[in-house]
PDB file of N, CA and C in Angstrom:
ATOM      1  N   MET A   1       8.893  45.433 -20.950  1.00  0.00           N
ATOM      2  CA  MET A   1       8.935  44.440 -20.945  1.00  0.00           C
ATOM      3  C   MET A   1       7.798  43.653 -21.312  1.00  0.00           C
ATOM      4  N   ASN A   2       7.125  42.971 -22.297  1.00  0.00           N
ATOM      5  CA  ASN A   2       6.431  42.409 -22.710  1.00  0.00           C
ATOM      6  C   ASN A   2       6.369  40.567 -22.554  1.00  0.00           C
ATOM      7  N   ILE A   3       5.746  40.405 -22.171  1.00  0.00           N
ATOM      8  CA  ILE A   3       5.601  38.647 -22.316  1.00  0.00           C
ATOM      9  C   ILE A   3       4.417  38.228 -22.736  1.00  0.00           C
ATOM     10  N   SER A   4       4.468  37.786 -24.371  1.00  0.00           N
ATOM     11  CA  SER A   4       3.105  37.340 -25.376  1.00  0.00           C
ATOM     12  C   SER A   4       3.109  35.603 -25.545  1.00  0.00           C
ATOM     13  N   ASP A   5       1.499  35.413 -25.443  1.00  0.00           N
ATOM     14  CA  ASP A   5       1.494  34.288 -26.018  1.00  0.00           C
ATOM     15  C   ASP A   5       1.938  33.786 -27.482  1.00  0.00           C
ATOM     16  N   THR A   6       1.954  32.205 -27.949  1.00  0.00           N
ATOM     17  CA  THR A   6       1.953  32.134 -28.999  1.00  0.00           C
ATOM     18  C   THR A   6       1.274  31.741 -29.335  1.00  0.00           C
ATOM     19  N   SER A   7       1.402  30.822 -30.674  1.00  0.00           N
ATOM     20  CA  SER A   7      -0.604  29.964 -31.200  1.00  0.00           C
ATOM     21  C   SER A   7       0.235  28.859 -30.218  1.00  0.00           C
ATOM     22  N   CYS A   8       1.367  28.358 -30.115  1.00  0.00           N
ATOM     23  CA  CYS A   8       1.605  27.118 -29.228  1.00  0.00           C
ATOM     24  C   CYS A   8       1.396  27.670 -27.983  1.00  0.00           C
ATOM     25  N   CYS A   9       0.424  26.687 -26.565  1.00  0.00           N
ATOM     26  CA  CYS A   9      -0.016  26.925 -25.356  1.00  0.00           C
ATOM     27  C   CYS A   9       1.702  26.951 -24.725  1.00  0.00           C
ATOM     28  N   GLY A  10       2.638  25.837 -25.013  1.00  0.00           N
ATOM     29  CA  GLY A  10       3.886  25.031 -24.138  1.00  0.00           C
ATOM     30  C   GLY A  10       5.067  26.374 -24.223  1.00  0.00           C
ATOM     31  N   LEU A  11       4.816  27.938 -25.786  1.00  0.00           N
ATOM     32  CA  LEU A  11       5.922  28.357 -25.675  1.00  0.00           C
ATOM     33  C   LEU A  11       5.053  29.767 -25.683  1.00  0.00           C
ATOM     34  N   ASP A  12       6.404  30.672 -24.829  1.00  0.00           N
ATOM     35  CA  ASP A  12       5.880  31.841 -24.670  1.00  0.00           C
ATOM     36  C   ASP A  12       6.867  33.161 -24.919  1.00  0.00           C
ATOM     37  N   GLU A  13       6.855  34.629 -25.670  1.00  0.00           N
ATOM     38  CA  GLU A  13       8.029  34.877 -25.884  1.00  0.00           C
ATOM     39  C   GLU A  13       8.100  35.919 -25.021  1.00  0.00           C
ATOM     40  N   PHE A  14       9.247  36.171 -24.633  1.00  0.00           N
ATOM     41  CA  PHE A  14      10.008  37.423 -23.747  1.00  0.00           C
ATOM     42  C   PHE A  14       9.985  38.817 -25.300  1.00  0.00           C
ATOM     43  N   GLN A  15       9.205  40.079 -24.785  1.00  0.00           N
ATOM     44  CA  GLN A  15       9.544  41.013 -25.769  1.00  0.00           C
ATOM     45  C   GLN A  15      10.673  42.194 -25.006  1.00  0.00           C
ATOM     46  N   ASP A  16      11.018  42.869 -25.856  1.00  0.00           N
ATOM     47  CA  ASP A  16      11.929  44.095 -25.426  1.00  0.00           C
ATOM     48  C   ASP A  16      12.115  43.564 -24.145  1.00  0.00           C
ATOM     49  N   ILE A  17      13.059  42.575 -23.676  1.00  0.00           N
ATOM     50  CA  ILE A  17      14.065  42.505 -22.137  1.00  0.00           C
ATOM     51  C   ILE A  17      15.262  43.840 -21.988  1.00  0.00           C
ATOM     52  N   SER A  18      15.005  44.511 -23.124  1.00  0.00           N
ATOM     53  CA  SER A  18      16.257  45.750 -23.179  1.00  0.00           C
ATOM     54  C   SER A  18      15.694  46.516 -22.482  1.00  0.00           C
ATOM     55  N   ASP A  19      14.242  46.781 -22.088  1.00  0.00           N
ATOM     56  CA  ASP A  19      13.797  47.829 -20.722  1.00  0.00           C
ATOM     57  C   ASP A  19      13.731  47.386 -19.858  1.00  0.00           C
ATOM     58  N   GLU A  20      14.400  46.077 -19.369  1.00  0.00           N
ATOM     59  CA  GLU A  20      14.359  46.058 -17.622  1.00  0.00           C
ATOM     60  C   GLU A  20      15.637  46.341 -17.614  1.00  0.00           C
ATOM     61  N   PRO A  21      15.687  46.576 -15.695  1.00  0.00           N
ATOM     62  CA  PRO A  21      16.871  47.063 -15.113  1.00  0.00           C
ATOM     63  C   PRO A  21      17.941  46.104 -15.290  1.00  0.00           C
ATOM     64  N   ASN A  22      17.114  44.324 -14.619  1.00  0.00           N
ATOM     65  CA  ASN A  22      18.334  43.723 -14.335  1.00  0.00           C
ATOM     66  C   ASN A  22      17.029  43.126 -14.656  1.00  0.00           C
ATOM     67  N   ASN A  23      17.805  41.895 -14.150  1.00  0.00           N
ATOM     68  CA  ASN A  23      17.059  40.108 -14.119  1.00  0.00           C
ATOM     69  C   ASN A  23      15.888  40.006 -12.806  1.00  0.00           C
ATOM     70  N   LYS A  24      16.353  40.458 -11.668  1.00  0.00           N
ATOM     71  CA  LYS A  24      14.640  40.229 -11.158  1.00  0.00           C
ATOM     72  C   LYS A  24      14.061  40.844 -11.601  1.00  0.00           C
ATOM     73  N   GLU A  25      14.226  41.957 -12.191  1.00  0.00           N
ATOM     74  CA  GLU A  25      12.765  43.093 -12.447  1.00  0.00           C
ATOM     75  C   GLU A  25      11.606  42.066 -13.539  1.00  0.00           C
ATOM     76  N   ILE A  26      12.472  41.161 -14.244  1.00  0.00           N
ATOM     77  CA  ILE A  26      11.611  39.844 -15.075  1.00  0.00           C
ATOM     78  C   ILE A  26      11.169  38.982 -14.413  1.00  0.00           C
ATOM     79  N   LEU A  27      12.012  38.736 -13.624  1.00  0.00           N
ATOM     80  CA  LEU A  27      11.011  37.523 -12.373  1.00  0.00           C
ATOM     81  C   LEU A  27       9.477  38.581 -12.170  1.00  0.00           C
ATOM     82  N   LYS A  28       9.881  40.004 -11.856  1.00  0.00           N
ATOM     83  CA  LYS A  28       8.319  39.907 -11.206  1.00  0.00           C
ATOM     84  C   LYS A  28       7.690  39.987 -12.083  1.00  0.00           C
ATOM     85  N   LYS A  29       8.336  40.444 -13.635  1.00  0.00           N
ATOM     86  CA  LYS A  29       6.890  40.644 -14.315  1.00  0.00           C
ATOM     87  C   LYS A  29       6.256  38.852 -14.687  1.00  0.00           C
ATOM     88  N   MET A  30       7.107  37.994 -14.244  1.00  0.00           N
ATOM     89  CA  MET A  30       6.982  36.663 -14.978  1.00  0.00           C
ATOM     90  C   MET A  30       5.892  36.415 -13.877  1.00  0.00           C
ATOM     91  N   LYS A  31       5.687  36.519 -12.358  1.00  0.00           N
ATOM     92  CA  LYS A  31       5.006  36.880 -11.314  1.00  0.00           C
ATOM     93  C   LYS A  31       3.807  36.807 -11.322  1.00  0.00           C
ATOM     94  N   ARG A  32       3.659  38.178 -12.093  1.00  0.00           N
ATOM     95  CA  ARG A  32       2.397  38.812 -11.986  1.00  0.00           C
ATOM     96  C   ARG A  32       1.898  38.475 -13.459  1.00  0.00           C
ATOM     97  N   HIS A  33       2.252  38.365 -14.446  1.00  0.00           N
ATOM     98  CA  HIS A  33       1.884  37.145 -15.758  1.00  0.00           C
ATOM     99  C   HIS A  33       1.181  36.111 -15.518  1.00  0.00           C
ATOM    100  N   TYR A  34       2.559  34.935 -14.845  1.00  0.00           N
ATOM    101  CA  TYR A  34       1.671  33.557 -14.514  1.00  0.00           C
ATOM    102  C   TYR A  34       1.042  33.328 -13.282  1.00  0.00           C
ATOM    103  N   HIS A  35       1.268  34.633 -12.598  1.00  0.00           N
ATOM    104  CA  HIS A  35      -0.220  33.450 -10.925  1.00  0.00           C
ATOM    105  C   HIS A  35      -1.171  33.341 -11.397  1.00  0.00           C
ATOM    106  N   HIS A  36      -1.420  32.726 -10.379  1.00  0.00           N
ATOM    107  CA  HIS A  36      -2.689  32.176 -10.449  1.00  0.00           C
ATOM    108  C   HIS A  36      -3.855  32.205  -9.810  1.00  0.00           C
ATOM    109  N   ASP A  37      -4.958  33.050 -10.752  1.00  0.00           N
ATOM    110  CA  ASP A  37      -6.220  33.844 -10.191  1.00  0.00           C
ATOM    111  C   ASP A  37      -7.607  33.124 -10.756  1.00  0.00           C
ATOM    112  N   SER A  38      -7.926  32.026 -11.648  1.00  0.00           N
ATOM    113  CA  SER A  38      -9.066  31.552 -11.439  1.00  0.00           C
ATOM    114  C   SER A  38      -9.763  31.651 -11.006  1.00  0.00           C
ATOM    115  N   TRP A  39      -9.197  30.761  -9.471  1.00  0.00           N
ATOM    116  CA  TRP A  39     -10.331  30.763  -8.740  1.00  0.00           C
ATOM    117  C   TRP A  39     -10.069  31.943  -7.501  1.00  0.00           C
ATOM    118  N   GLY A  40      -9.647  33.258  -7.540  1.00  0.00           N
ATOM    119  CA  GLY A  40      -9.496  33.783  -6.633  1.00  0.00           C
ATOM    120  C   GLY A  40      -8.515  33.337  -5.583  1.00  0.00           C
ATOM    121  N   GLU A  41      -7.553  32.897  -6.373  1.00  0.00           N
ATOM    122  CA  GLU A  41      -6.306  32.458  -5.093  1.00  0.00           C
ATOM    123  C   GLU A  41      -5.116  33.955  -5.168  1.00  0.00           C
ATOM    124  N   SER A  42      -4.799  34.199  -4.727  1.00  0.00           N
ATOM    125  CA  SER A  42      -3.867  34.776  -3.734  1.00  0.00           C
ATOM    126  C   SER A  42      -2.766  35.406  -5.081  1.00  0.00           C
ATOM    127  N   PRO A  43      -3.192  36.112  -5.393  1.00  0.00           N
ATOM    128  CA  PRO A  43      -2.110  36.775  -6.683  1.00  0.00           C
ATOM    129  C   PRO A  43      -0.183  36.715  -6.525  1.00  0.00           C
ATOM    130  N   ASN A  44      -0.314  36.077  -5.570  1.00  0.00           N
ATOM    131  CA  ASN A  44       1.167  35.623  -4.638  1.00  0.00           C
ATOM    132  C   ASN A  44       1.421  35.015  -4.713  1.00  0.00           C
ATOM    133  N   SER A  45       0.716  33.848  -5.991  1.00  0.00           N
ATOM    134  CA  SER A  45       0.742  32.103  -6.074  1.00  0.00           C
ATOM    135  C   SER A  45       0.962  31.682  -7.302  1.00  0.00           C
ATOM    136  N   VAL A  46       1.710  30.793  -8.269  1.00  0.00           N
ATOM    137  CA  VAL A  46       2.112  30.249  -8.943  1.00  0.00           C
ATOM    138  C   VAL A  46       2.456  28.720  -8.932  1.00  0.00           C
ATOM    139  N   GLU A  47       2.222  28.476  -9.435  1.00  0.00           N
ATOM    140  CA  GLU A  47       1.873  26.800  -9.530  1.00  0.00           C
ATOM    141  C   GLU A  47       3.104  26.361 -11.382  1.00  0.00           C
ATOM    142  N   GLU A  48       3.621  25.246 -11.361  1.00  0.00           N
ATOM    143  CA  GLU A  48       4.095  24.897 -12.626  1.00  0.00           C
ATOM    144  C   GLU A  48       2.896  24.516 -13.580  1.00  0.00           C
ATOM    145  N   GLY A  49       1.992  24.171 -13.460  1.00  0.00           N
ATOM    146  CA  GLY A  49       1.096  24.564 -14.672  1.00  0.00           C
ATOM    147  C   GLY A  49       0.527  25.872 -14.772  1.00  0.00           C
ATOM    148  N   ASN A  50       1.302  26.868 -14.577  1.00  0.00           N
ATOM    149  CA  ASN A  50       1.010  28.252 -14.933  1.00  0.00           C
ATOM    150  C   ASN A  50       2.127  28.756 -15.882  1.00  0.00           C
ATOM    151  N   LEU A  51       3.129  28.365 -16.066  1.00  0.00           N
ATOM    152  CA  LEU A  51       4.130  28.505 -16.551  1.00  0.00           C
ATOM    153  C   LEU A  51       3.930  27.323 -17.994  1.00  0.00           C
ATOM    154  N   PRO A  52       4.802  27.964 -19.114  1.00  0.00           N
ATOM    155  CA  PRO A  52       4.803  27.504 -20.595  1.00  0.00           C
ATOM    156  C   PRO A  52       6.009  26.806 -20.343  1.00  0.00           C
ATOM    157  N   THR A  53       6.128  25.607 -21.353  1.00  0.00           N
ATOM    158  CA  THR A  53       7.644  24.808 -21.342  1.00  0.00           C
ATOM    159  C   THR A  53       8.648  26.105 -21.714  1.00  0.00           C
ATOM    160  N   PHE A  54       8.256  26.307 -22.584  1.00  0.00           N
ATOM    161  CA  PHE A  54       9.791  27.316 -23.488  1.00  0.00           C
ATOM    162  C   PHE A  54       9.144  28.762 -23.622  1.00  0.00           C
ATOM    163  N   ILE A  55      10.233  29.273 -23.268  1.00  0.00           N
ATOM    164  CA  ILE A  55      10.036  30.721 -23.461  1.00  0.00           C
ATOM    165  C   ILE A  55      11.285  31.501 -24.399  1.00  0.00           C
ATOM    166  N   LEU A  56      11.084  32.334 -25.842  1.00  0.00           N
ATOM    167  CA  LEU A  56      11.352  32.429 -26.118  1.00  0.00           C
ATOM    168  C   LEU A  56      11.993  33.752 -25.813  1.00  0.00           C
ATOM    169  N   PHE A  57      13.812  34.587 -26.586  1.00  0.00           N
ATOM    170  CA  PHE A  57      14.332  35.642 -26.033  1.00  0.00           C
ATOM    171  C   PHE A  57      14.749  36.025 -27.117  1.00  0.00           C
ATOM    172  N   THR A  58      15.129  36.899 -27.266  1.00  0.00           N
ATOM    173  CA  THR A  58      16.031  37.929 -28.745  1.00  0.00           C
ATOM    174  C   THR A  58      16.621  38.954 -28.241  1.00  0.00           C
ATOM    175  N   GLY A  59      17.475  38.781 -28.411  1.00  0.00           N
ATOM    176  CA  GLY A  59      18.657  40.274 -27.880  1.00  0.00           C
ATOM    177  C   GLY A  59      19.789  40.393 -29.018  1.00  0.00           C
ATOM    178  N   VAL A  60      20.130  41.861 -29.183  1.00  0.00           N
ATOM    179  CA  VAL A  60      20.883  42.866 -29.962  1.00  0.00           C
ATOM    180  C   VAL A  60      22.369  41.781 -29.224  1.00  0.00           C
ATOM    181  N   THR A  61      23.280  41.481 -30.276  1.00  0.00           N
ATOM    182  CA  THR A  61      23.953  40.790 -30.017  1.00  0.00           C
ATOM    183  C   THR A  61      25.230  41.505 -28.983  1.00  0.00           C
ATOM    184  N   LYS A  62      25.769  42.028 -29.585  1.00  0.00           N
ATOM    185  CA  LYS A  62      26.375  43.407 -28.882  1.00  0.00           C
ATOM    186  C   LYS A  62      25.824  43.708 -27.548  1.00  0.00           C
ATOM    187  N   GLU A  63      24.938  44.145 -27.309  1.00  0.00           N
ATOM    188  CA  GLU A  63      24.458  44.775 -26.112  1.00  0.00           C
ATOM    189  C   GLU A  63      24.488  43.266 -25.507  1.00  0.00           C
ATOM    190  N   LYS A  64      24.043  43.259 -24.120  1.00  0.00           N
ATOM    191  CA  LYS A  64      24.793  41.792 -23.168  1.00  0.00           C
ATOM    192  C   LYS A  64      23.446  42.172 -22.924  1.00  0.00           C
ATOM    193  N   TYR A  65      21.844  41.968 -22.888  1.00  0.00           N
ATOM    194  CA  TYR A  65      20.887  41.909 -22.055  1.00  0.00           C
ATOM    195  C   TYR A  65      20.988  40.519 -22.191  1.00  0.00           C
ATOM    196  N   GLY A  66      21.063  39.769 -23.239  1.00  0.00           N
ATOM    197  CA  GLY A  66      20.004  38.158 -23.159  1.00  0.00           C
ATOM    198  C   GLY A  66      20.937  37.439 -23.098  1.00  0.00           C
ATOM    199  N   SER A  67      22.569  37.858 -23.247  1.00  0.00           N
ATOM    200  CA  SER A  67      23.557  37.006 -22.631  1.00  0.00           C
ATOM    201  C   SER A  67      23.427  36.689 -20.768  1.00  0.00           C
ATOM    202  N   ASN A  68      23.462  38.123 -21.082  1.00  0.00           N
ATOM    203  CA  ASN A  68      23.218  38.526 -18.986  1.00  0.00           C
ATOM    204  C   ASN A  68      22.014  37.459 -18.538  1.00  0.00           C
ATOM    205  N   LEU A  69      20.810  37.904 -19.056  1.00  0.00           N
ATOM    206  CA  LEU A  69      19.888  36.933 -18.709  1.00  0.00           C
ATOM    207  C   LEU A  69      20.246  35.340 -19.136  1.00  0.00           C
ATOM    208  N   GLU A  70      20.667  34.638 -19.673  1.00  0.00           N
ATOM    209  CA  GLU A  70      21.093  33.507 -20.034  1.00  0.00           C
ATOM    210  C   GLU A  70      21.836  33.247 -18.995  1.00  0.00           C
ATOM    211  N   LYS A  71      23.132  33.905 -18.345  1.00  0.00           N
ATOM    212  CA  LYS A  71      23.830  33.420 -17.254  1.00  0.00           C
ATOM    213  C   LYS A  71      23.087  33.529 -16.355  1.00  0.00           C
ATOM    214  N   PHE A  72      22.091  34.055 -15.709  1.00  0.00           N
ATOM    215  CA  PHE A  72      21.080  34.430 -14.887  1.00  0.00           C
ATOM    216  C   PHE A  72      20.813  32.783 -14.773  1.00  0.00           C
ATOM    217  N   ILE A  73      19.871  32.402 -15.646  1.00  0.00           N
ATOM    218  CA  ILE A  73      19.030  31.787 -15.741  1.00  0.00           C
ATOM    219  C   ILE A  73      19.889  30.654 -15.387  1.00  0.00           C
ATOM    220  N   LEU A  74      21.066  30.069 -15.632  1.00  0.00           N
ATOM    221  CA  LEU A  74      21.509  29.115 -15.603  1.00  0.00           C
ATOM    222  C   LEU A  74      22.644  29.096 -14.552  1.00  0.00           C
ATOM    223  N   LYS A  75      22.756  30.102 -14.084  1.00  0.00           N
ATOM    224  CA  LYS A  75      23.458  30.094 -12.758  1.00  0.00           C
ATOM    225  C   LYS A  75      22.536  29.653 -11.564  1.00  0.00           C
ATOM    226  N   ASN A  76      21.481  30.108 -11.398  1.00  0.00           N
ATOM    227  CA  ASN A  76      20.166  30.084 -11.019  1.00  0.00           C
ATOM    228  C   ASN A  76      19.575  28.823 -10.731  1.00  0.00           C
ATOM    229  N   LYS A  77      19.951  28.134 -11.853  1.00  0.00           N
ATOM    230  CA  LYS A  77      19.234  26.950 -12.403  1.00  0.00           C
ATOM    231  C   LYS A  77      17.474  26.751 -12.337  1.00  0.00           C
ATOM    232  N   TYR A  78      17.688  27.728 -12.902  1.00  0.00           N
ATOM    233  CA  TYR A  78      15.810  28.027 -13.443  1.00  0.00           C
ATOM    234  C   TYR A  78      15.156  27.308 -14.744  1.00  0.00           C
ATOM    235  N   GLY A  79      16.404  26.612 -15.630  1.00  0.00           N
ATOM    236  CA  GLY A  79      16.625  25.927 -16.949  1.00  0.00           C
ATOM    237  C   GLY A  79      17.543  25.709 -17.818  1.00  0.00           C
ATOM    238  N   THR A  80      17.902  25.586 -19.042  1.00  0.00           N
ATOM    239  CA  THR A  80      18.551  25.223 -20.142  1.00  0.00           C
ATOM    240  C   THR A  80      18.638  26.422 -21.295  1.00  0.00           C
ATOM    241  N   ILE A  81      18.658  26.515 -21.494  1.00  0.00           N
ATOM    242  CA  ILE A  81      19.417  27.257 -22.775  1.00  0.00           C
ATOM    243  C   ILE A  81      19.742  26.803 -24.433  1.00  0.00           C
ATOM    244  N   THR A  82      18.678  26.836 -24.823  1.00  0.00           N
ATOM    245  CA  THR A  82      19.250  26.267 -26.364  1.00  0.00           C
ATOM    246  C   THR A  82      19.403  28.147 -27.348  1.00  0.00           C
ATOM    247  N   LYS A  83      20.755  28.585 -27.863  1.00  0.00           N
ATOM    248  CA  LYS A  83      21.083  29.548 -28.783  1.00  0.00           C
ATOM    249  C   LYS A  83      21.683  29.134 -30.093  1.00  0.00           C
ATOM    250  N   THR A  84      21.095  30.636 -30.173  1.00  0.00           N
ATOM    251  CA  THR A  84      21.128  30.680 -31.970  1.00  0.00           C
ATOM    252  C   THR A  84      22.864  31.012 -32.480  1.00  0.00           C
ATOM    253  N   LYS A  85      23.455  30.658 -32.890  1.00  0.00           N
ATOM    254  CA  LYS A  85      24.415  31.670 -33.282  1.00  0.00           C
ATOM    255  C   LYS A  85      23.490  33.144 -34.014  1.00  0.00           C
ATOM    256  N   SER A  86      25.071  34.032 -33.763  1.00  0.00           N
ATOM    257  CA  SER A  86      25.070  35.667 -33.995  1.00  0.00           C
ATOM    258  C   SER A  86      24.447  35.788 -35.544  1.00  0.00           C
ATOM    259  N   LYS A  87      23.034  36.407 -35.927  1.00  0.00           N
ATOM    260  CA  LYS A  87      22.829  36.291 -37.310  1.00  0.00           C
ATOM    261  C   LYS A  87      22.647  37.604 -37.666  1.00  0.00           C
ATOM    262  N   LEU A  88      22.473  38.242 -38.582  1.00  0.00           N
ATOM    263  CA  LEU A  88      22.016  40.288 -39.129  1.00  0.00           C
ATOM    264  C   LEU A  88      20.611  39.838 -39.545  1.00  0.00           C
ATOM    265  N   ASN A  89      20.001  40.696 -38.747  1.00  0.00           N
ATOM    266  CA  ASN A  89      18.719  40.917 -38.656  1.00  0.00           C
ATOM    267  C   ASN A  89      18.822  42.009 -40.193  1.00  0.00           C
ATOM    268  N   SER A  90      18.269  41.686 -40.610  1.00  0.00           N
ATOM    269  CA  SER A  90      18.283  42.908 -42.022  1.00  0.00           C
ATOM    270  C   SER A  90      17.210  43.443 -41.499  1.00  0.00           C
ATOM    271  N   ASN A  91      15.990  43.859 -40.896  1.00  0.00           N
ATOM    272  CA  ASN A  91      15.291  45.231 -40.371  1.00  0.00           C
ATOM    273  C   ASN A  91      15.919  45.741 -39.890  1.00  0.00           C
ATOM    274  N   SER A  92      16.718  45.603 -38.682  1.00  0.00           N
ATOM    275  CA  SER A  92      17.088  46.559 -37.677  1.00  0.00           C
ATOM    276  C   SER A  92      18.704  46.494 -38.237  1.00  0.00           C
ATOM    277  N   GLY A  93      19.470  46.104 -39.375  1.00  0.00           N
ATOM    278  CA  GLY A  93      21.312  46.141 -39.452  1.00  0.00           C
ATOM    279  C   GLY A  93      21.747  45.586 -38.182  1.00  0.00           C
ATOM    280  N   ASN A  94      21.320  44.899 -37.353  1.00  0.00           N
ATOM    281  CA  ASN A  94      21.964  44.699 -36.145  1.00  0.00           C
ATOM    282  C   ASN A  94      22.350  42.869 -36.481  1.00  0.00           C
ATOM    283  N   GLN A  95      23.012  42.467 -35.471  1.00  0.00           N
ATOM    284  CA  GLN A  95      23.771  40.866 -35.166  1.00  0.00           C
ATOM    285  C   GLN A  95      22.689  41.082 -34.199  1.00  0.00           C
ATOM    286  N   ILE A  96      22.001  39.471 -33.809  1.00  0.00           N
ATOM    287  CA  ILE A  96      20.920  39.227 -32.753  1.00  0.00           C
ATOM    288  C   ILE A  96      21.421  38.094 -32.555  1.00  0.00           C
ATOM    289  N   THR A  97      20.454  37.343 -31.374  1.00  0.00           N
ATOM    290  CA  THR A  97      20.682  36.421 -31.158  1.00  0.00           C
ATOM    291  C   THR A  97      19.248  35.991 -29.855  1.00  0.00           C
ATOM    292  N   ALA A  98      18.694  34.359 -30.941  1.00  0.00           N
ATOM    293  CA  ALA A  98      17.959  34.129 -30.041  1.00  0.00           C
ATOM    294  C   ALA A  98      18.321  32.577 -29.435  1.00  0.00           C
ATOM    295  N   TRP A  99      17.359  33.327 -28.246  1.00  0.00           N
ATOM    296  CA  TRP A  99      17.585  31.555 -26.662  1.00  0.00           C
ATOM    297  C   TRP A  99      15.941  31.234 -26.861  1.00  0.00           C
ATOM    298  N   ILE A 100      16.820  29.372 -26.127  1.00  0.00           N
ATOM    299  CA  ILE A 100      15.298  29.013 -26.350  1.00  0.00           C
ATOM    300  C   ILE A 100      15.671  28.508 -24.666  1.00  0.00           C
ATOM    301  N   TRP A 101      14.623  29.055 -24.360  1.00  0.00           N
ATOM    302  CA  TRP A 101      14.716  28.910 -22.621  1.00  0.00           C
ATOM    303  C   TRP A 101      13.776  27.659 -22.051  1.00  0.00           C
ATOM    304  N   THR A 102      14.220  26.505 -21.931  1.00  0.00           N
ATOM    305  CA  THR A 102      13.098  24.839 -21.220  1.00  0.00           C
ATOM    306  C   THR A 102      13.554  25.216 -19.531  1.00  0.00           C
ATOM    307  N   LEU A 103      12.172  25.805 -19.197  1.00  0.00           N
ATOM    308  CA  LEU A 103      11.767  26.054 -17.991  1.00  0.00           C
ATOM    309  C   LEU A 103      11.987  24.630 -16.946  1.00  0.00           C
ATOM    310  N   ASN A 104      12.692  25.156 -15.625  1.00  0.00           N
ATOM    311  CA  ASN A 104      13.196  24.175 -14.402  1.00  0.00           C
ATOM    312  C   ASN A 104      11.588  24.424 -13.895  1.00  0.00           C
ATOM    313  N   LYS A 105      10.759  23.754 -13.456  1.00  0.00           N
ATOM    314  CA  LYS A 105       9.537  24.988 -13.046  1.00  0.00           C
ATOM    315  C   LYS A 105       9.689  24.874 -12.026  1.00  0.00           C
ATOM    316  N   LYS A 106      10.102  23.292 -11.280  1.00  0.00           N
ATOM    317  CA  LYS A 106      10.043  23.069  -9.863  1.00  0.00           C
ATOM    318  C   LYS A 106      11.033  24.639  -9.060  1.00  0.00           C
ATOM    319  N   ASN A 107      12.520  24.273 -10.013  1.00  0.00           N
ATOM    320  CA  ASN A 107      13.289  25.588  -8.759  1.00  0.00           C
ATOM    321  C   ASN A 107      12.538  27.313  -9.383  1.00  0.00           C
ATOM    322  N   LEU A 108      11.668  27.273 -10.345  1.00  0.00           N
ATOM    323  CA  LEU A 108      11.413  28.515 -10.803  1.00  0.00           C
ATOM    324  C   LEU A 108      10.227  28.943  -9.806  1.00  0.00           C
ATOM    325  N   VAL A 109       8.977  28.269  -9.664  1.00  0.00           N
ATOM    326  CA  VAL A 109       8.107  28.174  -9.166  1.00  0.00           C
ATOM    327  C   VAL A 109       8.740  28.596  -7.322  1.00  0.00           C
ATOM    328  N   LYS A 110       9.419  28.076  -7.225  1.00  0.00           N
ATOM    329  CA  LYS A 110      10.014  28.170  -5.638  1.00  0.00           C
ATOM    330  C   LYS A 110      10.679  29.533  -5.670  1.00  0.00           C
ATOM    331  N   LYS A 111      11.306  29.767  -6.799  1.00  0.00           N
ATOM    332  CA  LYS A 111      11.322  31.785  -6.373  1.00  0.00           C
ATOM    333  C   LYS A 111      10.255  32.032  -6.748  1.00  0.00           C
ATOM    334  N   LEU A 112       9.700  31.958  -7.721  1.00  0.00           N
ATOM    335  CA  LEU A 112       8.222  33.107  -7.483  1.00  0.00           C
ATOM    336  C   LEU A 112       7.817  33.496  -7.028  1.00  0.00           C
ATOM    337  N   ASN A 113       7.391  32.350  -6.558  1.00  0.00           N
ATOM    338  CA  ASN A 113       6.847  32.242  -4.711  1.00  0.00           C
ATOM    339  C   ASN A 113       7.015  33.012  -3.376  1.00  0.00           C
ATOM    340  N   THR A 114       8.365  33.602  -3.603  1.00  0.00           N
ATOM    341  CA  THR A 114       8.766  33.976  -2.499  1.00  0.00           C
ATOM    342  C   THR A 114       8.535  35.686  -3.034  1.00  0.00           C
ATOM    343  N   ILE A 115       8.687  35.921  -4.171  1.00  0.00           N
ATOM    344  CA  ILE A 115       8.387  37.577  -4.927  1.00  0.00           C
ATOM    345  C   ILE A 115       7.185  38.082  -4.678  1.00  0.00           C
ATOM    346  N   LYS A 116       6.861  39.307  -3.702  1.00  0.00           N
ATOM    347  CA  LYS A 116       6.139  39.420  -3.628  1.00  0.00           C
ATOM    348  C   LYS A 116       5.330  40.542  -4.627  1.00  0.00           C
ATOM    349  N   VAL A 117       4.317  40.982  -4.755  1.00  0.00           N
ATOM    350  CA  VAL A 117       4.355  41.948  -6.278  1.00  0.00           C
ATOM    351  C   VAL A 117       3.119  42.169  -5.970  1.00  0.00           C
ATOM    352  N   GLU A 118       2.209  43.592  -6.431  1.00  0.00           N
ATOM    353  CA  GLU A 118       1.418  44.248  -6.967  1.00  0.00           C
ATOM    354  C   GLU A 118       0.356  43.511  -7.451  1.00  0.00           C
ATOM    355  N   PRO A 119      -0.563  42.979  -7.881  1.00  0.00           N
ATOM    356  CA  PRO A 119      -1.324  42.774  -8.937  1.00  0.00           C
ATOM    357  C   PRO A 119      -1.568  44.598  -9.691  1.00  0.00           C
ATOM    358  N   LYS A 120      -0.964  44.340 -11.561  1.00  0.00           N
ATOM    359  CA  LYS A 120      -1.249  45.467 -11.902  1.00  0.00           C
ATOM    360  C   LYS A 120      -2.033  45.174 -13.286  1.00  0.00           C
ATOM    361  N   ASP A 121      -1.758  46.137 -13.926  1.00  0.00           N
ATOM    362  CA  ASP A 121      -3.454  46.102 -15.477  1.00  0.00           C
ATOM    363  C   ASP A 121      -2.039  45.740 -15.754  1.00  0.00           C
ATOM    364  N   GLU A 122      -2.313  44.692 -17.191  1.00  0.00           N
ATOM    365  CA  GLU A 122      -0.761  44.735 -18.383  1.00  0.00           C
ATOM    366  C   GLU A 122      -1.451  45.167 -19.206  1.00  0.00           C
TER     367      GLU A 122
END
């Protein structure tokens, strides 16, 4: 999975979430991506200002990784979700769904700061 910036600083995109074996691995990727290091702070420190307001992710509707991530976000109160109806992706022939996650930064930062990760080159 990759986390990509968009041209809007308030919106990032999760790409290839189907590559992750579980949602805890997604949180680890988020920790690595959003840790605060511009002034030499610990790679294990995330602040609310490091996070975007929204994250976009998509998934093949019949595969459950997108809806599983949605349930994980809602269950843990990491934010709210706006979901599209399933539509045909003419590029792949698959029915896909898109989700926009509005982050609950307070809850998410609290969780991310409990996760220990080693810095990695991305």
